[in-house]
Amino acid sequence: MTVTLLATCTGLMGVMLMVFGSGRGPRVSQQLELYPLIGYHFLAVSAILMLRALYTAMRGGS
């Protein structure tokens, strides 16, 4: 339950950083800004946590 909640929250934070952070903040390169980059990383963390939650649920553990 906790891992699923963490995956959901990090996914929402990643999407919000990607949507509302574009056009703001410092640039990492010519075409990439910092806030969307952090958003992409949050989405990757969210996907890993969601896969862990699915694995635990399918395995039958608590």
Protein backbone atom coordinates (compact mmCIF):
# COMPACT_ATOMS: atom_id res chain seq x y z
CA MET A 1 0.00 0.00 0.00
CA THR A 2 2.78 2.45 0.92
CA VAL A 3 4.82 1.70 -2.20
CA THR A 4 1.77 2.24 -4.39
CA LEU A 5 1.09 5.59 -2.72
CA LEU A 6 4.71 6.65 -3.19
CA ALA A 7 4.61 5.60 -6.85
CA THR A 8 1.42 7.59 -7.41
CA CYS A 9 2.75 10.72 -5.70
CA THR A 10 6.08 10.68 -7.51
CA GLY A 11 4.28 10.12 -10.82
CA LEU A 12 2.01 13.08 -10.23
CA MET A 13 4.94 15.26 -9.17
CA GLY A 14 6.82 14.25 -12.32
CA VAL A 15 3.92 15.12 -14.58
CA MET A 16 3.39 18.44 -12.82
CA LEU A 17 7.08 19.33 -13.18
CA MET A 18 7.00 18.43 -16.87
CA VAL A 19 3.83 20.39 -17.62
CA PHE A 20 4.17 23.44 -15.38
CA GLY A 21 7.98 23.59 -15.39
CA SER A 22 8.45 23.98 -19.11
CA GLY A 23 9.51 27.48 -20.05
CA ARG A 24 10.76 28.21 -16.53
CA GLY A 25 13.90 27.55 -14.62
CA PRO A 26 17.52 27.16 -15.71
CA ARG A 27 18.53 25.40 -18.92
CA VAL A 28 20.61 22.23 -18.83
CA SER A 29 21.25 22.33 -22.58
CA GLN A 30 19.92 24.24 -25.58
CA GLN A 31 16.65 22.28 -25.72
CA LEU A 32 16.29 20.88 -22.20
CA GLU A 33 15.34 22.68 -19.02
CA LEU A 34 15.96 21.56 -15.45
CA TYR A 35 12.39 21.11 -14.19
CA PRO A 36 11.21 18.83 -17.01
CA LEU A 37 14.42 16.82 -16.60
CA ILE A 38 13.65 16.30 -12.91
CA GLY A 39 10.08 15.40 -13.94
CA TYR A 40 11.36 12.67 -16.26
CA HIS A 41 13.45 11.26 -13.43
CA PHE A 42 10.44 11.28 -11.10
CA LEU A 43 8.45 9.35 -13.72
CA ALA A 44 11.22 6.77 -13.95
CA VAL A 45 11.25 6.37 -10.16
CA SER A 46 7.47 6.09 -10.20
CA ALA A 47 7.58 3.35 -12.82
CA ILE A 48 10.14 1.38 -10.80
CA LEU A 49 8.06 1.68 -7.63
CA MET A 50 4.89 0.65 -9.47
CA LEU A 51 6.63 -2.42 -10.89
CA ARG A 52 7.76 -3.31 -7.38
CA ALA A 53 4.21 -2.96 -6.07
CA LEU A 54 2.87 -5.13 -8.92
CA TYR A 55 5.52 -7.78 -8.30
CA THR A 56 4.69 -7.88 -4.59
CA ALA A 57 0.94 -8.09 -5.30
CA MET A 58 1.32 -10.87 -7.87
CA ARG A 59 3.67 -12.83 -5.64
CA GLY A 60 1.10 -12.76 -2.88
CA GLY A 61 3.27 -11.00 -0.31
CA SER A 62 2.23 -8.23 2.01
